[in-house]
C-alpha atoms as a PDB file:
ATOM      1  CA  MET A   1       5.068 -46.202  -5.571  1.00  0.00           C
ATOM      2  CA  ILE A   2       1.906 -46.276  -3.502  1.00  0.00           C
ATOM      3  CA  THR A   3      -1.468 -46.218  -5.224  1.00  0.00           C
ATOM      4  CA  GLN A   4      -4.641 -44.479  -4.089  1.00  0.00           C
ATOM      5  CA  GLU A   5      -6.241 -47.898  -3.551  1.00  0.00           C
ATOM      6  CA  ARG A   6      -3.430 -49.068  -1.250  1.00  0.00           C
ATOM      7  CA  LEU A   7      -3.395 -45.742   0.588  1.00  0.00           C
ATOM      8  CA  LYS A   8      -7.130 -46.004   1.331  1.00  0.00           C
ATOM      9  CA  GLU A   9      -6.656 -49.570   2.599  1.00  0.00           C
ATOM     10  CA  VAL A  10      -4.247 -48.462   5.317  1.00  0.00           C
ATOM     11  CA  LEU A  11      -5.128 -44.821   6.033  1.00  0.00           C
ATOM     12  CA  GLU A  12      -8.200 -42.629   6.221  1.00  0.00           C
ATOM     13  CA  TYR A  13      -7.751 -38.922   5.419  1.00  0.00           C
ATOM     14  CA  ASN A  14      -9.912 -36.170   6.887  1.00  0.00           C
ATOM     15  CA  PRO A  15      -9.852 -33.283   4.370  1.00  0.00           C
ATOM     16  CA  GLU A  16     -11.119 -30.785   6.951  1.00  0.00           C
ATOM     17  CA  THR A  17      -8.456 -31.427   9.592  1.00  0.00           C
ATOM     18  CA  GLY A  18      -5.719 -32.798   7.342  1.00  0.00           C
ATOM     19  CA  ASP A  19      -5.214 -35.765   9.666  1.00  0.00           C
ATOM     20  CA  PHE A  20      -4.451 -39.281   8.508  1.00  0.00           C
ATOM     21  CA  VAL A  21      -5.712 -42.108  10.733  1.00  0.00           C
ATOM     22  CA  TRP A  22      -4.563 -45.724  10.586  1.00  0.00           C
ATOM     23  CA  CYS A  23      -7.245 -48.172   9.385  1.00  0.00           C
ATOM     24  CA  VAL A  24      -4.986 -51.172  10.005  1.00  0.00           C
ATOM     25  CA  LEU A  25      -2.137 -51.925  12.389  1.00  0.00           C
ATOM     26  CA  PRO A  26       0.962 -50.617  10.584  1.00  0.00           C
ATOM     27  CA  ARG A  27       3.380 -52.114  13.125  1.00  0.00           C
ATOM     28  CA  ARG A  28       3.612 -53.272  16.709  1.00  0.00           C
ATOM     29  CA  GLY A  29       2.774 -50.520  19.195  1.00  0.00           C
ATOM     30  CA  VAL A  30       0.582 -48.480  16.824  1.00  0.00           C
ATOM     31  CA  LYS A  31      -3.159 -48.828  17.279  1.00  0.00           C
ATOM     32  CA  SER A  32      -5.781 -48.782  14.557  1.00  0.00           C
ATOM     33  CA  GLY A  33      -7.567 -45.420  14.731  1.00  0.00           C
ATOM     34  CA  SER A  34      -4.495 -43.496  15.878  1.00  0.00           C
ATOM     35  CA  ILE A  35      -3.251 -40.449  14.003  1.00  0.00           C
ATOM     36  CA  ALA A  36      -0.443 -41.252  11.575  1.00  0.00           C
ATOM     37  CA  GLY A  37       2.739 -39.329  10.974  1.00  0.00           C
ATOM     38  CA  SER A  38       5.780 -37.857  12.616  1.00  0.00           C
ATOM     39  CA  LYS A  39       7.303 -34.401  12.318  1.00  0.00           C
ATOM     40  CA  HIS A  40      10.238 -33.970   9.966  1.00  0.00           C
ATOM     41  CA  HIS A  41      12.494 -30.895   9.850  1.00  0.00           C
ATOM     42  CA  ASN A  42      13.693 -30.512   6.268  1.00  0.00           C
ATOM     43  CA  GLY A  43      16.811 -28.483   7.086  1.00  0.00           C
ATOM     44  CA  TRP A  44      15.460 -25.284   5.503  1.00  0.00           C
ATOM     45  CA  GLY A  45      13.461 -24.258   8.555  1.00  0.00           C
ATOM     46  CA  ASN A  46      10.269 -26.039   7.497  1.00  0.00           C
ATOM     47  CA  VAL A  47       8.481 -28.814   9.377  1.00  0.00           C
ATOM     48  CA  TYR A  48       6.333 -31.403   7.601  1.00  0.00           C
ATOM     49  CA  LEU A  49       4.579 -34.639   8.534  1.00  0.00           C
ATOM     50  CA  ARG A  50       5.952 -37.900   7.187  1.00  0.00           C
ATOM     51  CA  ILE A  51       4.104 -41.196   7.144  1.00  0.00           C
ATOM     52  CA  ARG A  52       5.661 -44.622   6.584  1.00  0.00           C
ATOM     53  CA  VAL A  53       3.553 -46.943   4.432  1.00  0.00           C
ATOM     54  CA  ASP A  54       4.867 -50.340   3.332  1.00  0.00           C
ATOM     55  CA  SER A  55       8.383 -49.470   4.554  1.00  0.00           C
ATOM     56  CA  LYS A  56       8.532 -46.254   2.517  1.00  0.00           C
ATOM     57  CA  LEU A  57       8.343 -42.702   3.873  1.00  0.00           C
ATOM     58  CA  TYR A  58       5.954 -40.206   2.260  1.00  0.00           C
ATOM     59  CA  LEU A  59       5.210 -36.577   2.980  1.00  0.00           C
ATOM     60  CA  ALA A  60       1.652 -36.291   4.281  1.00  0.00           C
ATOM     61  CA  HIS A  61       0.731 -33.405   1.968  1.00  0.00           C
ATOM     62  CA  ARG A  62       1.668 -35.524  -1.057  1.00  0.00           C
ATOM     63  CA  LEU A  63      -0.395 -38.424   0.307  1.00  0.00           C
ATOM     64  CA  ALA A  64      -3.348 -36.041   0.765  1.00  0.00           C
ATOM     65  CA  PHE A  65      -3.078 -35.113  -2.894  1.00  0.00           C
ATOM     66  CA  LEU A  66      -3.004 -38.797  -3.888  1.00  0.00           C
ATOM     67  CA  TYR A  67      -5.913 -39.602  -1.579  1.00  0.00           C
ATOM     68  CA  MET A  68      -8.112 -36.817  -2.982  1.00  0.00           C
ATOM     69  CA  THR A  69      -7.184 -36.887  -6.679  1.00  0.00           C
ATOM     70  CA  GLY A  70      -5.937 -40.412  -7.325  1.00  0.00           C
ATOM     71  CA  GLU A  71      -2.586 -39.145  -8.558  1.00  0.00           C
ATOM     72  CA  MET A  72       0.737 -38.393  -6.921  1.00  0.00           C
ATOM     73  CA  PRO A  73       2.108 -35.013  -8.062  1.00  0.00           C
ATOM     74  CA  ASP A  74       4.341 -35.665 -11.060  1.00  0.00           C
ATOM     75  CA  ASP A  75       7.771 -34.262 -11.883  1.00  0.00           C
ATOM     76  CA  GLY A  76       7.916 -30.508 -11.848  1.00  0.00           C
ATOM     77  CA  LYS A  77       4.889 -30.172  -9.562  1.00  0.00           C
ATOM     78  CA  GLU A  78       4.821 -29.639  -5.813  1.00  0.00           C
ATOM     79  CA  VAL A  79       2.093 -29.502  -3.194  1.00  0.00           C
ATOM     80  CA  ASP A  80       2.173 -26.064  -1.551  1.00  0.00           C
ATOM     81  CA  HIS A  81       0.827 -25.231   1.900  1.00  0.00           C
ATOM     82  CA  ILE A  82      -1.030 -21.987   1.223  1.00  0.00           C
ATOM     83  CA  ASP A  83      -0.720 -20.725   4.800  1.00  0.00           C
ATOM     84  CA  GLY A  84       2.967 -21.672   4.987  1.00  0.00           C
ATOM     85  CA  ASN A  85       2.366 -24.180   7.801  1.00  0.00           C
ATOM     86  CA  GLY A  86       3.795 -27.539   6.713  1.00  0.00           C
ATOM     87  CA  LEU A  87       1.798 -29.300   9.415  1.00  0.00           C
ATOM     88  CA  ASN A  88      -1.572 -28.018   8.135  1.00  0.00           C
ATOM     89  CA  ASN A  89      -2.544 -30.674   5.600  1.00  0.00           C
ATOM     90  CA  SER A  90      -6.220 -29.752   5.329  1.00  0.00           C
ATOM     91  CA  TRP A  91      -7.346 -30.047   1.718  1.00  0.00           C
ATOM     92  CA  GLU A  92      -8.313 -26.356   1.432  1.00  0.00           C
ATOM     93  CA  ASN A  93      -4.750 -25.412   2.478  1.00  0.00           C
ATOM     94  CA  LEU A  94      -3.072 -27.441  -0.273  1.00  0.00           C
ATOM     95  CA  ARG A  95      -2.550 -26.528  -3.912  1.00  0.00           C
ATOM     96  CA  LEU A  96      -0.561 -28.009  -6.778  1.00  0.00           C
ATOM     97  CA  VAL A  97       2.084 -25.621  -8.107  1.00  0.00           C
ATOM     98  CA  THR A  98       5.393 -25.550  -9.921  1.00  0.00           C
ATOM     99  CA  ARG A  99       8.595 -25.108  -7.916  1.00  0.00           C
ATOM    100  CA  THR A 100       8.571 -21.447  -8.964  1.00  0.00           C
ATOM    101  CA  GLY A 101       4.990 -21.063  -7.759  1.00  0.00           C
ATOM    102  CA  ASN A 102       5.908 -22.679  -4.450  1.00  0.00           C
ATOM    103  CA  SER A 103       8.843 -20.314  -3.964  1.00  0.00           C
ATOM    104  CA  ARG A 104       6.460 -17.406  -4.501  1.00  0.00           C
ATOM    105  CA  ASN A 105       4.667 -18.345  -1.297  1.00  0.00           C
ATOM    106  CA  THR A 106       7.552 -18.240   1.169  1.00  0.00           C
ATOM    107  CA  LYS A 107       7.627 -16.502   4.510  1.00  0.00           C
ATOM    108  CA  LEU A 108       9.797 -13.527   5.349  1.00  0.00           C
ATOM    109  CA  GLN A 109      13.413 -14.557   5.811  1.00  0.00           C
ATOM    110  CA  SER A 110      14.660 -14.410   9.384  1.00  0.00           C
ATOM    111  CA  ASN A 111      17.593 -12.150   8.447  1.00  0.00           C
ATOM    112  CA  ASN A 112      15.331  -9.510   6.865  1.00  0.00           C
ATOM    113  CA  LYS A 113      15.896  -6.139   8.577  1.00  0.00           C
ATOM    114  CA  SER A 114      13.167  -4.049   6.931  1.00  0.00           C
ATOM    115  CA  GLY A 115      10.247  -6.306   7.780  1.00  0.00           C
ATOM    116  CA  TYR A 116       9.261  -6.424   4.092  1.00  0.00           C
ATOM    117  CA  SER A 117      10.241  -9.021   1.508  1.00  0.00           C
ATOM    118  CA  GLY A 118      12.391  -7.579  -1.273  1.00  0.00           C
ATOM    119  CA  VAL A 119      13.120  -4.328   0.602  1.00  0.00           C
ATOM    120  CA  ILE A 120      16.645  -3.819   1.927  1.00  0.00           C
ATOM    121  CA  TRP A 121      18.643  -0.877   3.256  1.00  0.00           C
ATOM    122  CA  HIS A 122      21.462   0.186   0.940  1.00  0.00           C
ATOM    123  CA  LYS A 123      23.981   1.691   3.353  1.00  0.00           C
ATOM    124  CA  ALA A 124      26.243   3.339   0.733  1.00  0.00           C
ATOM    125  CA  ARG A 125      23.337   5.194  -0.926  1.00  0.00           C
ATOM    126  CA  GLU A 126      21.412   5.669   2.327  1.00  0.00           C
ATOM    127  CA  LYS A 127      18.209   4.596   0.591  1.00  0.00           C
ATOM    128  CA  TRP A 128      15.808   1.657   0.626  1.00  0.00           C
ATOM    129  CA  ARG A 129      16.389  -0.708  -2.291  1.00  0.00           C
ATOM    130  CA  VAL A 130      13.754  -2.935  -3.879  1.00  0.00           C
ATOM    131  CA  LYS A 131      15.268  -6.099  -5.316  1.00  0.00           C
ATOM    132  CA  ILE A 132      13.104  -9.047  -6.348  1.00  0.00           C
ATOM    133  CA  GLY A 133      14.319 -12.166  -8.124  1.00  0.00           C
ATOM    134  CA  GLY A 134      17.753 -10.628  -8.647  1.00  0.00           C
ATOM    135  CA  ILE A 135      16.326  -7.577 -10.425  1.00  0.00           C
ATOM    136  CA  ASP A 136      16.566  -4.046  -9.006  1.00  0.00           C
ATOM    137  CA  TYR A 137      13.331  -2.068  -9.001  1.00  0.00           C
ATOM    138  CA  GLY A 138      14.751   1.151  -7.621  1.00  0.00           C
ATOM    139  CA  TYR A 139      16.008   3.074  -4.610  1.00  0.00           C
ATOM    140  CA  PHE A 140      13.737   5.049  -2.307  1.00  0.00           C
ATOM    141  CA  TYR A 141      14.203   7.535   0.535  1.00  0.00           C
ATOM    142  CA  SER A 142      10.976   6.370   2.171  1.00  0.00           C
ATOM    143  CA  ILE A 143      10.402   2.797   3.335  1.00  0.00           C
ATOM    144  CA  ASP A 144       6.705   3.324   2.540  1.00  0.00           C
ATOM    145  CA  ASP A 145       7.530   4.050  -1.114  1.00  0.00           C
ATOM    146  CA  ALA A 146       9.852   1.039  -1.244  1.00  0.00           C
ATOM    147  CA  THR A 147       7.283  -1.342   0.233  1.00  0.00           C
ATOM    148  CA  LEU A 148       4.604  -0.036  -2.124  1.00  0.00           C
ATOM    149  CA  MET A 149       6.909  -0.693  -5.092  1.00  0.00           C
ATOM    150  CA  ALA A 150       7.652  -4.200  -3.760  1.00  0.00           C
ATOM    151  CA  ALA A 151       3.939  -4.984  -3.272  1.00  0.00           C
ATOM    152  CA  VAL A 152       3.026  -3.788  -6.773  1.00  0.00           C
ATOM    153  CA  THR A 153       5.922  -5.733  -8.282  1.00  0.00           C
ATOM    154  CA  TYR A 154       5.072  -8.953  -6.411  1.00  0.00           C
ATOM    155  CA  GLU A 155       1.459  -8.702  -7.569  1.00  0.00           C
ATOM    156  CA  ARG A 156       2.489  -8.035 -11.173  1.00  0.00           C
ATOM    157  CA  LEU A 157       4.874 -11.034 -11.110  1.00  0.00           C
ATOM    158  CA  GLY A 158       2.176 -13.371  -9.779  1.00  0.00           C
ATOM    159  CA  TYR A 159       3.465 -13.967  -6.254  1.00  0.00           C
ATOM    160  CA  HIS A 160       1.028 -15.421  -3.719  1.00  0.00           C
ATOM    161  CA  ARG A 161      -0.568 -12.896  -1.367  1.00  0.00           C
ATOM    162  CA  ASN A 162       1.187 -14.603   1.590  1.00  0.00           C
ATOM    163  CA  HIS A 163       4.656 -14.138   0.113  1.00  0.00           C
ATOM    164  CA  GLY A 164       6.957 -12.390   2.533  1.00  0.00           C
ATOM    165  CA  SER A 165       4.459 -12.334   5.359  1.00  0.00           C
ATOM    166  CA  ILE A 166       5.587 -13.032   8.888  1.00  0.00           C
ATOM    167  CA  ARG A 167       4.161 -16.407   9.896  1.00  0.00           C
END
């Protein structure tokens, strides 16, 4: 496991831009002062930056947390990108959350037909249905009423304000 001391020996982090820059030559063909990291698609539709240090790959947002706090997020904690952009590793865009907290800041699913998270059309009843976290919150004739119910419910349950937004 990398330490903050070792990380600062090889990389410099800019909290405003979220960029990591090599302080030393990590390998042949990479220049000192160049931006570190390569894009990684995680298979769930998200893209993150990974950086190899001492033959081990790390996610850049986790390295940013180590760089700024001196600690790598421990078990049960994740570093969330507040704006939903896994390539934006600026310090103000990162927060430490539980897995549940991280899932409460997800973008609108691509198969969503209503345009609102938690609001689906129930064909048999010919009404809009609000279903959040596996729990039904009612059926509505108006999509406006359904989205209002979803918004109030998300707020009451502690979801992030970005949850379900189109990003």
